[in-house]
C-alpha cells in the first residue's frame, strides 16, 4: 500500500516489504526441490535412451557376427563394435555405458554422472538375476 505524507514522499512500509520477502522465500522453498527432482528425471531419461541405443547397436552387431561385443564407453565417447572405423554407438555427454557379452545375450549398464541411479538391461536368460529384456534401476541385473 502506498502512503503519502505531508512532504509528498511515497513508499512501502517495512511490514509490506517483509511480507513480500517471506512470500518469495516460500515460493523458492517449493520450487527448488521440484526443479532438482525434474533434473534427476531428465538425467535418468538420457541414460535410458543411451542404453536403448546400445541395445540396438548390439543387436545389429549380432546380426552380422552371431556374437555380442563387450565394450565400455566413456562419457561422450563412441564405440566401433565391428572395427570398420565408423562408430556404431555414441554415448551422450556425462553418460557411461558398459556392455558384458555372453554367448546367449548381453548385460548393459548406463549411468549419468549427475544422477545417483544406474540403469541396466540383461538379454541373457542364463545370466539374468532380474527381468530379462527390461530396463531396471540397478547396479547389475
C-alpha atoms as a PDB file:
ATOM      1  CA  UNK A   1       0.000   0.000   0.000  1.00  0.00           C
ATOM      2  CA  UNK A   2       1.391   3.378  -0.906  1.00  0.00           C
ATOM      3  CA  UNK A   3       1.298   6.134   1.624  1.00  0.00           C
ATOM      4  CA  UNK A   4       1.622   9.842   1.058  1.00  0.00           C
ATOM      5  CA  UNK A   5       2.921  12.036   3.817  1.00  0.00           C
ATOM      6  CA  UNK A   6       2.724  15.784   4.133  1.00  0.00           C
ATOM      7  CA  UNK A   7       6.082  16.135   2.424  1.00  0.00           C
ATOM      8  CA  UNK A   8       4.781  14.148  -0.588  1.00  0.00           C
ATOM      9  CA  UNK A   9       7.141  11.171  -0.082  1.00  0.00           C
ATOM     10  CA  UNK A  10       5.719   7.832  -1.260  1.00  0.00           C
ATOM     11  CA  UNK A  11       6.900   4.328  -0.408  1.00  0.00           C
ATOM     12  CA  UNK A  12       6.148   0.950   1.123  1.00  0.00           C
ATOM     13  CA  UNK A  13       6.113   0.239   4.824  1.00  0.00           C
ATOM     14  CA  UNK A  14       8.634  -2.133   6.366  1.00  0.00           C
ATOM     15  CA  UNK A  15       5.908  -4.679   7.118  1.00  0.00           C
ATOM     16  CA  UNK A  16       4.784  -4.743   3.485  1.00  0.00           C
ATOM     17  CA  UNK A  17       8.342  -5.334   2.292  1.00  0.00           C
ATOM     18  CA  UNK A  18       8.858  -8.128   4.851  1.00  0.00           C
ATOM     19  CA  UNK A  19       5.658  -9.860   3.729  1.00  0.00           C
ATOM     20  CA  UNK A  20       6.846  -9.805   0.096  1.00  0.00           C
ATOM     21  CA  UNK A  21      10.233 -11.254   1.107  1.00  0.00           C
ATOM     22  CA  UNK A  22       8.533 -14.037   3.093  1.00  0.00           C
ATOM     23  CA  UNK A  23       6.254 -14.900   0.158  1.00  0.00           C
ATOM     24  CA  UNK A  24       9.221 -15.074  -2.229  1.00  0.00           C
ATOM     25  CA  UNK A  25      11.052 -17.318   0.274  1.00  0.00           C
ATOM     26  CA  UNK A  26       8.097 -19.703   0.487  1.00  0.00           C
ATOM     27  CA  UNK A  27       7.815 -19.913  -3.296  1.00  0.00           C
ATOM     28  CA  UNK A  28      11.548 -20.612  -3.600  1.00  0.00           C
ATOM     29  CA  UNK A  29      11.333 -23.342  -0.932  1.00  0.00           C
ATOM     30  CA  UNK A  30       8.652 -25.068  -3.010  1.00  0.00           C
ATOM     31  CA  UNK A  31      10.259 -24.587  -6.437  1.00  0.00           C
ATOM     32  CA  UNK A  32      13.888 -25.602  -5.770  1.00  0.00           C
ATOM     33  CA  UNK A  33      13.231 -29.243  -4.690  1.00  0.00           C
ATOM     34  CA  UNK A  34      10.817 -29.659  -7.597  1.00  0.00           C
ATOM     35  CA  UNK A  35      13.473 -28.398 -10.015  1.00  0.00           C
ATOM     36  CA  UNK A  36      16.059 -30.808  -8.569  1.00  0.00           C
ATOM     37  CA  UNK A  37      13.691 -33.747  -8.992  1.00  0.00           C
ATOM     38  CA  UNK A  38      12.969 -32.755 -12.584  1.00  0.00           C
ATOM     39  CA  UNK A  39      16.693 -32.544 -13.394  1.00  0.00           C
ATOM     40  CA  UNK A  40      17.310 -36.032 -11.996  1.00  0.00           C
ATOM     41  CA  UNK A  41      14.462 -37.444 -14.086  1.00  0.00           C
ATOM     42  CA  UNK A  42      15.962 -35.852 -17.194  1.00  0.00           C
ATOM     43  CA  UNK A  43      19.401 -37.331 -16.426  1.00  0.00           C
ATOM     44  CA  UNK A  44      17.839 -40.783 -15.953  1.00  0.00           C
ATOM     45  CA  UNK A  45      15.885 -40.481 -19.209  1.00  0.00           C
ATOM     46  CA  UNK A  46      19.105 -39.673 -21.074  1.00  0.00           C
ATOM     47  CA  UNK A  47      20.848 -42.718 -19.550  1.00  0.00           C
ATOM     48  CA  UNK A  48      17.921 -44.963 -20.507  1.00  0.00           C
ATOM     49  CA  UNK A  49      17.975 -43.581 -24.036  1.00  0.00           C
ATOM     50  CA  UNK A  50      21.686 -44.379 -24.386  1.00  0.00           C
ATOM     51  CA  UNK A  51      21.013 -47.844 -23.009  1.00  0.00           C
ATOM     52  CA  UNK A  52      18.354 -48.451 -25.678  1.00  0.00           C
ATOM     53  CA  UNK A  53      20.685 -47.134 -28.390  1.00  0.00           C
ATOM     54  CA  UNK A  54      23.417 -49.532 -27.247  1.00  0.00           C
ATOM     55  CA  UNK A  55      20.894 -52.389 -27.305  1.00  0.00           C
ATOM     56  CA  UNK A  56      20.178 -51.558 -30.952  1.00  0.00           C
ATOM     57  CA  UNK A  57      23.905 -51.415 -31.762  1.00  0.00           C
ATOM     58  CA  UNK A  58      24.481 -54.790 -30.059  1.00  0.00           C
ATOM     59  CA  UNK A  59      21.635 -56.429 -31.982  1.00  0.00           C
ATOM     60  CA  UNK A  60      22.959 -55.025 -35.270  1.00  0.00           C
ATOM     61  CA  UNK A  61      26.419 -56.381 -34.410  1.00  0.00           C
ATOM     62  CA  UNK A  62      24.909 -59.773 -33.546  1.00  0.00           C
ATOM     63  CA  UNK A  63      23.073 -59.895 -36.884  1.00  0.00           C
ATOM     64  CA  UNK A  64      26.391 -59.629 -38.747  1.00  0.00           C
ATOM     65  CA  UNK A  65      28.698 -61.595 -36.415  1.00  0.00           C
ATOM     66  CA  UNK A  66      26.458 -64.058 -34.499  1.00  0.00           C
ATOM     67  CA  UNK A  67      28.048 -62.848 -31.252  1.00  0.00           C
ATOM     68  CA  UNK A  68      27.718 -59.882 -28.913  1.00  0.00           C
ATOM     69  CA  UNK A  69      30.508 -57.368 -28.313  1.00  0.00           C
ATOM     70  CA  UNK A  70      31.802 -56.484 -24.854  1.00  0.00           C
ATOM     71  CA  UNK A  71      32.653 -52.798 -24.660  1.00  0.00           C
ATOM     72  CA  UNK A  72      32.893 -49.887 -22.230  1.00  0.00           C
ATOM     73  CA  UNK A  73      32.131 -46.394 -23.485  1.00  0.00           C
ATOM     74  CA  UNK A  74      33.253 -43.338 -21.550  1.00  0.00           C
ATOM     75  CA  UNK A  75      31.018 -40.295 -21.205  1.00  0.00           C
ATOM     76  CA  UNK A  76      30.689 -38.653 -24.599  1.00  0.00           C
ATOM     77  CA  UNK A  77      32.794 -41.382 -26.223  1.00  0.00           C
ATOM     78  CA  UNK A  78      31.975 -43.731 -29.063  1.00  0.00           C
ATOM     79  CA  UNK A  79      32.284 -47.427 -29.805  1.00  0.00           C
ATOM     80  CA  UNK A  80      33.246 -49.097 -33.071  1.00  0.00           C
ATOM     81  CA  UNK A  81      31.882 -52.585 -32.402  1.00  0.00           C
ATOM     82  CA  UNK A  82      32.737 -54.137 -35.759  1.00  0.00           C
ATOM     83  CA  UNK A  83      36.132 -52.456 -36.269  1.00  0.00           C
ATOM     84  CA  UNK A  84      35.276 -50.850 -39.602  1.00  0.00           C
ATOM     85  CA  UNK A  85      36.434 -47.384 -38.492  1.00  0.00           C
ATOM     86  CA  UNK A  86      32.977 -45.859 -38.057  1.00  0.00           C
ATOM     87  CA  UNK A  87      31.339 -45.535 -34.634  1.00  0.00           C
ATOM     88  CA  UNK A  88      28.363 -47.842 -34.090  1.00  0.00           C
ATOM     89  CA  UNK A  89      27.368 -46.090 -30.860  1.00  0.00           C
ATOM     90  CA  UNK A  90      27.913 -42.577 -29.471  1.00  0.00           C
ATOM     91  CA  UNK A  91      27.421 -42.004 -25.730  1.00  0.00           C
ATOM     92  CA  UNK A  92      25.791 -38.795 -24.586  1.00  0.00           C
ATOM     93  CA  UNK A  93      27.650 -36.234 -22.519  1.00  0.00           C
ATOM     94  CA  UNK A  94      28.129 -37.381 -18.881  1.00  0.00           C
ATOM     95  CA  UNK A  95      26.796 -40.900 -19.551  1.00  0.00           C
ATOM     96  CA  UNK A  96      28.976 -44.001 -19.283  1.00  0.00           C
ATOM     97  CA  UNK A  97      27.846 -47.285 -20.818  1.00  0.00           C
ATOM     98  CA  UNK A  98      29.265 -50.761 -20.191  1.00  0.00           C
ATOM     99  CA  UNK A  99      28.399 -53.989 -22.017  1.00  0.00           C
ATOM    100  CA  UNK A 100      29.148 -57.501 -20.805  1.00  0.00           C
ATOM    101  CA  UNK A 101      28.752 -60.043 -23.606  1.00  0.00           C
ATOM    102  CA  UNK A 102      27.511 -63.584 -23.069  1.00  0.00           C
ATOM    103  CA  UNK A 103      27.031 -66.365 -25.601  1.00  0.00           C
ATOM    104  CA  UNK A 104      23.242 -66.012 -25.380  1.00  0.00           C
ATOM    105  CA  UNK A 105      22.920 -62.259 -24.799  1.00  0.00           C
ATOM    106  CA  UNK A 106      24.369 -59.228 -23.065  1.00  0.00           C
ATOM    107  CA  UNK A 107      24.132 -57.059 -19.987  1.00  0.00           C
ATOM    108  CA  UNK A 108      24.274 -53.286 -20.461  1.00  0.00           C
ATOM    109  CA  UNK A 109      24.529 -50.673 -17.709  1.00  0.00           C
ATOM    110  CA  UNK A 110      24.251 -46.915 -18.181  1.00  0.00           C
ATOM    111  CA  UNK A 111      24.767 -44.117 -15.672  1.00  0.00           C
ATOM    112  CA  UNK A 112      24.614 -40.337 -15.839  1.00  0.00           C
ATOM    113  CA  UNK A 113      27.369 -38.641 -13.812  1.00  0.00           C
ATOM    114  CA  UNK A 114      24.891 -36.278 -12.111  1.00  0.00           C
ATOM    115  CA  UNK A 115      22.356 -38.945 -11.120  1.00  0.00           C
ATOM    116  CA  UNK A 116      22.651 -41.476  -8.301  1.00  0.00           C
ATOM    117  CA  UNK A 117      20.790 -44.082 -10.386  1.00  0.00           C
ATOM    118  CA  UNK A 118      22.291 -46.781 -12.595  1.00  0.00           C
ATOM    119  CA  UNK A 119      20.133 -48.372 -15.282  1.00  0.00           C
ATOM    120  CA  UNK A 120      20.555 -51.934 -16.506  1.00  0.00           C
ATOM    121  CA  UNK A 121      19.162 -54.388 -19.041  1.00  0.00           C
ATOM    122  CA  UNK A 122      20.003 -58.065 -19.480  1.00  0.00           C
ATOM    123  CA  UNK A 123      19.060 -60.115 -22.547  1.00  0.00           C
ATOM    124  CA  UNK A 124      20.772 -63.306 -21.348  1.00  0.00           C
ATOM    125  CA  UNK A 125      18.306 -65.674 -19.699  1.00  0.00           C
ATOM    126  CA  UNK A 126      21.142 -67.745 -18.212  1.00  0.00           C
ATOM    127  CA  UNK A 127      22.903 -64.763 -16.591  1.00  0.00           C
ATOM    128  CA  UNK A 128      19.979 -62.547 -15.563  1.00  0.00           C
ATOM    129  CA  UNK A 129      19.223 -62.039 -11.890  1.00  0.00           C
ATOM    130  CA  UNK A 130      16.206 -59.866 -12.710  1.00  0.00           C
ATOM    131  CA  UNK A 131      13.731 -59.486 -15.530  1.00  0.00           C
ATOM    132  CA  UNK A 132      15.126 -60.418 -18.947  1.00  0.00           C
ATOM    133  CA  UNK A 133      14.992 -57.662 -21.543  1.00  0.00           C
ATOM    134  CA  UNK A 134      13.540 -54.992 -19.235  1.00  0.00           C
ATOM    135  CA  UNK A 135      15.334 -51.806 -18.252  1.00  0.00           C
ATOM    136  CA  UNK A 136      15.557 -51.681 -14.477  1.00  0.00           C
ATOM    137  CA  UNK A 137      17.200 -49.438 -11.933  1.00  0.00           C
ATOM    138  CA  UNK A 138      20.046 -51.493 -10.507  1.00  0.00           C
ATOM    139  CA  UNK A 139      23.822 -51.706 -10.464  1.00  0.00           C
ATOM    140  CA  UNK A 140      23.675 -55.147 -12.091  1.00  0.00           C
ATOM    141  CA  UNK A 141      20.915 -57.306 -13.496  1.00  0.00           C
END
